[in-house]
Structures are given as structure tokens and as C-alpha cells.
Amino acid sequence: MSEAESNVLVVSSGDVVGGGRRSVAGTSPAGQEAEMEAHRSHREEAGDLSRSLRWSTEQLEADHAAKLLLAAEEGLVAAHTAALVATPAAVAIEQRALDKMNATCEMEDYLAAVRTAVERRQQELASLEAAVCLYEQRCVGEEAARRYVKRPVSLPWA
């Protein structure tokens, strides 16, 4: 399967709607990339921050939590965008199925199209819900990490 083929969602036989791949965890590829970037950035900067700014372990953990929060925010926006981008084409496909059923009274094809539409919506909502939950978890984690930073905070100009 090519990269282009893996980025589409088959809505009903022959009808394809563009959409992003979703991971097992439900986050979008953009959200996954943002989270990996946050981890990589933290690994690269942690040593430098602790040496040059004399940051404590708690400050480093708070910085890491803030980066993870921003990554979760990007993932939430990407998941919502992916759901919205696919909606107009999917609605058009559903309307064609309804029109076809009204014209031919072929209930089996219509039922299959409705089941496919419901499944697509459930997948989109599950992905969006996973992104919202991750964002909320990261908010709690970032808040907790900030509370553990001991005072006074070490800054190079202080």
C-alpha cells in the first residue's frame, strides 16, 4: 500500500474520503510527531539547561511537561481538523446513498452505506476524544510539575 493509499478512508464501495491515519492510541500523525519532538527537544536541552541556567530537576521536569502539553495541543487541533476535513465529502456520499435509496428502494445498499457512515463517525469521534483526553492529562501533569518547582527559581540574570 502506498503512502497516498494509506491516507484515505473508504466510506462505501468505491467512495473514498481523504483522512489522516490514526494510531492505536487515537492521536493523529501530526500529534504523534509533536509529542516525539517534545521528547527529543527535552533530551537535547535538559543537560544544557541544567548546566547553563543551573535548572533543578523539578524545573527540567516542568519544562518537559510544558513541551508535552504543547504537543498534546497540536495533536488535538490536528485530530479536530482531520475530522472536519473529511466531513463535506462524507456528507455528499451519504446524500447520494439516500437519493439512490429513494429512487430504487434498495434497502440493503442503503443500510450498508448507513453502517459505514456510522462507523466512520465513531472512528472520528474516538480519535477526537482520545486527543481531548490526552490534552486534559497533559494539563494536569504540567500543573503538577509546575507546583513541584522549588523556590527560588534559578535564572541567569537574577
Protein backbone atom coordinates (compact mmCIF):
# COMPACT_ATOMS: atom_id res chain seq x y z
CA MET A 1 0.00 0.00 0.00
CA SER A 2 1.38 3.38 -0.98
CA GLU A 3 1.56 6.44 1.28
CA ALA A 4 -1.33 8.07 -0.62
CA GLU A 5 -3.50 4.95 -0.30
CA SER A 6 -2.89 4.75 3.45
CA ASN A 7 -4.21 8.29 3.95
CA VAL A 8 -7.75 7.72 2.70
CA LEU A 9 -10.88 6.40 4.31
CA VAL A 10 -13.21 4.19 2.27
CA VAL A 11 -16.72 5.29 3.13
CA SER A 12 -18.74 2.95 0.92
CA SER A 13 -17.95 0.73 -2.01
CA GLY A 14 -15.98 2.86 -4.44
CA ASP A 15 -16.33 6.11 -2.48
CA VAL A 16 -13.20 7.45 -0.81
CA VAL A 17 -12.86 10.37 1.57
CA GLY A 18 -9.46 11.85 2.42
CA GLY A 19 -8.46 11.48 6.02
CA GLY A 20 -5.44 11.04 8.21
CA ARG A 21 -4.14 7.75 9.53
CA ARG A 22 -4.89 7.16 13.16
CA SER A 23 -2.70 5.34 15.59
CA VAL A 24 -3.80 2.75 18.07
CA ALA A 25 -3.88 5.44 20.74
CA GLY A 26 -6.13 7.60 18.56
CA THR A 27 -3.76 10.50 18.04
CA SER A 28 -3.12 11.89 14.61
CA PRO A 29 0.27 11.59 12.89
CA ALA A 30 0.84 15.31 13.50
CA GLY A 31 0.12 14.84 17.19
CA GLN A 32 2.48 11.87 17.39
CA GLU A 33 5.21 13.85 15.64
CA ALA A 34 4.72 16.79 18.00
CA GLU A 35 4.99 14.52 21.05
CA MET A 36 8.16 12.83 19.70
CA GLU A 37 9.60 16.30 19.01
CA ALA A 38 8.82 17.37 22.58
CA HIS A 39 10.66 14.33 23.97
CA ARG A 40 13.62 14.84 21.61
CA SER A 41 13.82 18.55 22.40
CA HIS A 42 13.75 17.86 26.13
CA ARG A 43 16.55 15.28 25.85
CA GLU A 44 18.70 17.71 23.87
CA GLU A 45 18.09 20.74 26.06
CA ALA A 46 17.95 19.20 29.55
CA GLY A 47 21.70 18.97 30.03
CA ASP A 48 22.30 22.45 28.69
CA LEU A 49 19.59 23.98 30.86
CA SER A 50 20.85 22.30 33.99
CA ARG A 51 24.44 23.46 33.32
CA SER A 52 24.00 26.96 31.87
CA LEU A 53 20.94 28.09 33.81
CA ARG A 54 21.50 25.78 36.77
CA TRP A 55 17.96 24.45 36.49
CA SER A 56 16.88 21.97 39.11
CA THR A 57 15.40 18.57 38.34
CA GLU A 58 11.97 19.98 39.15
CA GLN A 59 12.46 22.85 36.69
CA LEU A 60 13.55 20.43 33.99
CA GLU A 61 10.50 18.23 34.64
CA ALA A 62 8.21 21.27 34.46
CA ASP A 63 9.82 22.29 31.16
CA HIS A 64 9.31 18.77 29.80
CA ALA A 65 5.66 18.75 30.95
CA ALA A 66 5.08 22.10 29.23
CA LYS A 67 6.50 20.75 25.97
CA LEU A 68 4.28 17.67 26.22
CA LEU A 69 1.28 19.93 26.83
CA LEU A 70 2.05 21.90 23.67
CA ALA A 71 2.43 18.64 21.73
CA ALA A 72 -0.96 17.42 23.01
CA GLU A 73 -2.48 20.74 21.98
CA GLU A 74 -1.11 20.29 18.45
CA GLY A 75 -2.48 16.74 18.39
CA LEU A 76 -5.93 17.89 19.47
CA VAL A 77 -6.05 20.56 16.77
CA ALA A 78 -4.84 18.05 14.16
CA ALA A 79 -7.44 15.44 15.18
CA HIS A 80 -10.23 18.00 15.01
CA THR A 81 -9.01 19.31 11.66
CA ALA A 82 -8.86 15.78 10.22
CA ALA A 83 -12.44 15.13 11.32
CA LEU A 84 -13.68 18.39 9.81
CA VAL A 85 -11.82 17.99 6.51
CA ALA A 86 -13.46 14.64 5.76
CA THR A 87 -16.99 15.75 6.67
CA PRO A 88 -18.18 17.54 3.48
CA ALA A 89 -17.19 14.69 1.17
CA ALA A 90 -18.66 12.11 3.54
CA VAL A 91 -21.96 14.02 3.75
CA ALA A 92 -22.12 14.14 -0.06
CA ILE A 93 -21.60 10.37 -0.22
CA GLU A 94 -24.30 9.81 2.39
CA GLN A 95 -26.68 12.07 0.45
CA ARG A 96 -26.03 10.08 -2.75
CA ALA A 97 -26.81 6.85 -0.87
CA LEU A 98 -30.06 8.36 0.43
CA ASP A 99 -31.03 9.65 -3.00
CA LYS A 100 -30.26 6.25 -4.53
CA MET A 101 -32.40 4.51 -1.90
CA ASN A 102 -35.32 6.90 -2.54
CA ALA A 103 -35.05 6.27 -6.30
CA THR A 104 -34.57 2.49 -6.24
CA CYS A 105 -35.91 1.45 -2.82
CA GLU A 106 -32.81 -0.78 -2.48
CA MET A 107 -32.63 -1.05 1.28
CA GLU A 108 -29.60 -3.40 1.52
CA ASP A 109 -27.22 -0.98 -0.21
CA TYR A 110 -28.62 1.90 1.81
CA LEU A 111 -28.21 0.02 5.09
CA ALA A 112 -24.59 -0.80 4.22
CA ALA A 113 -23.92 2.88 3.46
CA VAL A 114 -25.52 3.97 6.74
CA ARG A 115 -23.50 1.43 8.74
CA THR A 116 -20.30 2.62 7.04
CA ALA A 117 -21.17 6.26 7.77
CA VAL A 118 -21.85 5.49 11.43
CA GLU A 119 -18.58 3.57 11.72
CA ARG A 120 -16.65 6.47 10.15
CA ARG A 121 -18.21 8.95 12.56
CA GLN A 122 -17.47 6.70 15.53
CA GLN A 123 -13.81 6.45 14.47
CA GLU A 124 -13.55 10.22 14.08
CA LEU A 125 -15.16 10.82 17.47
CA ALA A 126 -12.97 8.20 19.15
CA SER A 127 -9.86 9.87 17.71
CA LEU A 128 -11.04 13.31 18.79
CA GLU A 129 -11.99 12.05 22.26
CA ALA A 130 -8.57 10.42 22.69
CA ALA A 131 -6.89 13.71 21.73
CA VAL A 132 -9.07 15.64 24.21
CA CYS A 133 -8.29 13.16 27.00
CA LEU A 134 -4.55 13.32 26.28
CA TYR A 135 -4.66 17.12 26.31
CA GLU A 136 -6.51 17.14 29.64
CA GLN A 137 -3.99 14.67 31.12
CA ARG A 138 -1.10 16.83 29.93
CA CYS A 139 -2.74 19.92 31.50
CA VAL A 140 -2.93 18.13 34.85
CA GLY A 141 0.65 16.86 34.50
CA GLU A 142 2.01 20.28 33.59
CA GLU A 143 0.20 21.92 36.51
CA ALA A 144 1.54 19.30 38.94
CA ALA A 145 5.09 19.65 37.59
CA ARG A 146 4.97 23.43 37.98
CA ARG A 147 3.80 23.10 41.59
CA TYR A 148 6.84 20.96 42.44
CA VAL A 149 9.32 23.62 41.31
CA LYS A 150 11.03 24.82 44.46
CA ARG A 151 11.53 28.48 45.10
CA PRO A 152 13.63 30.45 44.39
CA VAL A 153 13.83 29.71 40.68
CA SER A 154 17.37 29.91 39.35
CA LEU A 155 17.66 32.37 36.47
CA PRO A 156 20.94 33.51 34.92
CA TRP A 157 20.14 37.22 35.22
CA ALA A 158 18.90 37.01 38.82
